[in-house]
Amino acid sequence: MDDLDAVLMRLAQAPVPASLDRIEARVLARIAARPAVRVGMGVGAMTIAAALVMGMVGAGLPAGQASAASLSPLGPVSPLAPSTLLLGAP
């Protein structure tokens, strides 16, 4: 652990390399020079309209009636019993 502390101490006391000098300013200047891409209002309006139509269609279509199968683990015939699953239906 002392070796790690010594290495970190030397690294902290070392001078900053010239290639890293003012790197933050250069990066921010490149970001500022790049033009911002803007999407027109038409794309946003079309997205909202598509979501609205899909929601209305999904809510308006009647769903088929669903019924759950009755599973009784202690009943005489259980489709989830190990003997039924391994050997097939009796």
C-alpha atoms as a PDB file:
ATOM      1  CA  MET A   1       0.000   0.000   0.000  1.00  0.00           C
ATOM      2  CA  ASP A   2       2.938   2.321   0.655  1.00  0.00           C
ATOM      3  CA  ASP A   3       4.107   1.850  -2.922  1.00  0.00           C
ATOM      4  CA  LEU A   4       0.727   2.990  -4.206  1.00  0.00           C
ATOM      5  CA  ASP A   5       0.784   6.034  -1.938  1.00  0.00           C
ATOM      6  CA  ALA A   6       4.276   6.920  -3.149  1.00  0.00           C
ATOM      7  CA  VAL A   7       3.307   6.560  -6.797  1.00  0.00           C
ATOM      8  CA  LEU A   8       0.223   8.713  -6.329  1.00  0.00           C
ATOM      9  CA  MET A   9       2.260  11.351  -4.502  1.00  0.00           C
ATOM     10  CA  ARG A  10       4.789  11.487  -7.368  1.00  0.00           C
ATOM     11  CA  LEU A  11       1.962  11.734  -9.888  1.00  0.00           C
ATOM     12  CA  ALA A  12       0.359  14.596  -7.963  1.00  0.00           C
ATOM     13  CA  GLN A  13       3.640  16.509  -7.831  1.00  0.00           C
ATOM     14  CA  ALA A  14       4.548  15.952 -11.487  1.00  0.00           C
ATOM     15  CA  PRO A  15       4.088  18.877 -13.885  1.00  0.00           C
ATOM     16  CA  VAL A  16       1.120  18.839 -16.244  1.00  0.00           C
ATOM     17  CA  PRO A  17       2.083  17.570 -19.718  1.00  0.00           C
ATOM     18  CA  ALA A  18       2.039  20.232 -22.431  1.00  0.00           C
ATOM     19  CA  SER A  19      -0.470  18.234 -24.482  1.00  0.00           C
ATOM     20  CA  LEU A  20      -3.018  18.509 -21.653  1.00  0.00           C
ATOM     21  CA  ASP A  21      -2.502  22.227 -21.121  1.00  0.00           C
ATOM     22  CA  ARG A  22      -5.786  24.115 -21.664  1.00  0.00           C
ATOM     23  CA  ILE A  23      -7.517  20.978 -22.987  1.00  0.00           C
ATOM     24  CA  GLU A  24     -10.810  22.010 -21.380  1.00  0.00           C
ATOM     25  CA  ALA A  25     -10.826  25.339 -23.223  1.00  0.00           C
ATOM     26  CA  ARG A  26     -10.063  23.616 -26.541  1.00  0.00           C
ATOM     27  CA  VAL A  27     -12.848  21.069 -26.081  1.00  0.00           C
ATOM     28  CA  LEU A  28     -15.394  23.738 -25.153  1.00  0.00           C
ATOM     29  CA  ALA A  29     -14.318  25.869 -28.146  1.00  0.00           C
ATOM     30  CA  ARG A  30     -14.877  22.919 -30.502  1.00  0.00           C
ATOM     31  CA  ILE A  31     -18.299  22.263 -28.986  1.00  0.00           C
ATOM     32  CA  ALA A  32     -19.257  25.934 -29.368  1.00  0.00           C
ATOM     33  CA  ALA A  33     -18.033  26.014 -32.992  1.00  0.00           C
ATOM     34  CA  ARG A  34     -20.162  23.050 -34.002  1.00  0.00           C
ATOM     35  CA  PRO A  35     -23.590  24.178 -35.279  1.00  0.00           C
ATOM     36  CA  ALA A  36     -26.588  22.862 -33.387  1.00  0.00           C
ATOM     37  CA  VAL A  37     -28.894  20.634 -35.404  1.00  0.00           C
ATOM     38  CA  ARG A  38     -32.503  21.615 -34.945  1.00  0.00           C
ATOM     39  CA  VAL A  39     -35.521  19.540 -35.826  1.00  0.00           C
ATOM     40  CA  GLY A  40     -38.503  21.495 -37.086  1.00  0.00           C
ATOM     41  CA  MET A  41     -41.865  21.621 -35.384  1.00  0.00           C
ATOM     42  CA  GLY A  42     -43.297  19.317 -38.036  1.00  0.00           C
ATOM     43  CA  VAL A  43     -41.437  16.262 -36.741  1.00  0.00           C
ATOM     44  CA  GLY A  44     -42.555  16.871 -33.154  1.00  0.00           C
ATOM     45  CA  ALA A  45     -46.147  17.485 -34.208  1.00  0.00           C
ATOM     46  CA  MET A  46     -46.166  14.329 -36.321  1.00  0.00           C
ATOM     47  CA  THR A  47     -44.801  12.290 -33.404  1.00  0.00           C
ATOM     48  CA  ILE A  48     -47.458  13.633 -31.051  1.00  0.00           C
ATOM     49  CA  ALA A  49     -50.204  12.993 -33.614  1.00  0.00           C
ATOM     50  CA  ALA A  50     -49.010   9.415 -34.226  1.00  0.00           C
ATOM     51  CA  ALA A  51     -48.931   8.684 -30.488  1.00  0.00           C
ATOM     52  CA  LEU A  52     -52.406  10.151 -30.069  1.00  0.00           C
ATOM     53  CA  VAL A  53     -53.827   8.083 -32.934  1.00  0.00           C
ATOM     54  CA  MET A  54     -52.214   4.888 -31.648  1.00  0.00           C
ATOM     55  CA  GLY A  55     -53.611   5.519 -28.168  1.00  0.00           C
ATOM     56  CA  MET A  56     -57.109   6.184 -29.481  1.00  0.00           C
ATOM     57  CA  VAL A  57     -57.055   3.094 -31.693  1.00  0.00           C
ATOM     58  CA  GLY A  58     -55.726   0.938 -28.864  1.00  0.00           C
ATOM     59  CA  ALA A  59     -58.366   2.211 -26.453  1.00  0.00           C
ATOM     60  CA  GLY A  60     -61.187   2.023 -28.991  1.00  0.00           C
ATOM     61  CA  LEU A  61     -60.735  -1.522 -30.243  1.00  0.00           C
ATOM     62  CA  PRO A  62     -62.653  -3.979 -28.119  1.00  0.00           C
ATOM     63  CA  ALA A  63     -60.509  -6.635 -26.547  1.00  0.00           C
ATOM     64  CA  GLY A  64     -61.590 -10.241 -26.726  1.00  0.00           C
ATOM     65  CA  GLN A  65     -62.938 -11.711 -23.537  1.00  0.00           C
ATOM     66  CA  ALA A  66     -60.266 -13.571 -21.640  1.00  0.00           C
ATOM     67  CA  SER A  67     -60.880 -16.394 -19.252  1.00  0.00           C
ATOM     68  CA  ALA A  68     -58.339 -17.994 -16.995  1.00  0.00           C
ATOM     69  CA  ALA A  69     -58.056 -21.748 -16.798  1.00  0.00           C
ATOM     70  CA  SER A  70     -58.804 -23.110 -13.376  1.00  0.00           C
ATOM     71  CA  LEU A  71     -55.769 -24.815 -11.895  1.00  0.00           C
ATOM     72  CA  SER A  72     -56.290 -26.834  -8.769  1.00  0.00           C
ATOM     73  CA  PRO A  73     -53.038 -28.205  -7.370  1.00  0.00           C
ATOM     74  CA  LEU A  74     -54.848 -30.685  -5.136  1.00  0.00           C
ATOM     75  CA  GLY A  75     -57.537 -31.747  -7.590  1.00  0.00           C
ATOM     76  CA  PRO A  76     -57.760 -35.137  -9.283  1.00  0.00           C
ATOM     77  CA  VAL A  77     -56.351 -33.963 -12.628  1.00  0.00           C
ATOM     78  CA  SER A  78     -53.744 -31.256 -12.538  1.00  0.00           C
ATOM     79  CA  PRO A  79     -52.029 -30.251 -15.790  1.00  0.00           C
ATOM     80  CA  LEU A  80     -49.051 -28.952 -13.776  1.00  0.00           C
ATOM     81  CA  ALA A  81     -48.458 -32.131 -11.782  1.00  0.00           C
ATOM     82  CA  PRO A  82     -44.962 -33.595 -12.255  1.00  0.00           C
ATOM     83  CA  SER A  83     -46.370 -36.911 -13.434  1.00  0.00           C
ATOM     84  CA  THR A  84     -48.436 -35.143 -16.088  1.00  0.00           C
ATOM     85  CA  LEU A  85     -45.551 -32.973 -17.211  1.00  0.00           C
ATOM     86  CA  LEU A  86     -43.053 -35.846 -17.386  1.00  0.00           C
ATOM     87  CA  LEU A  87     -45.227 -38.665 -18.712  1.00  0.00           C
ATOM     88  CA  GLY A  88     -47.948 -36.820 -20.562  1.00  0.00           C
ATOM     89  CA  ALA A  89     -51.672 -36.702 -19.880  1.00  0.00           C
ATOM     90  CA  PRO A  90     -53.115 -39.871 -18.269  1.00  0.00           C
END
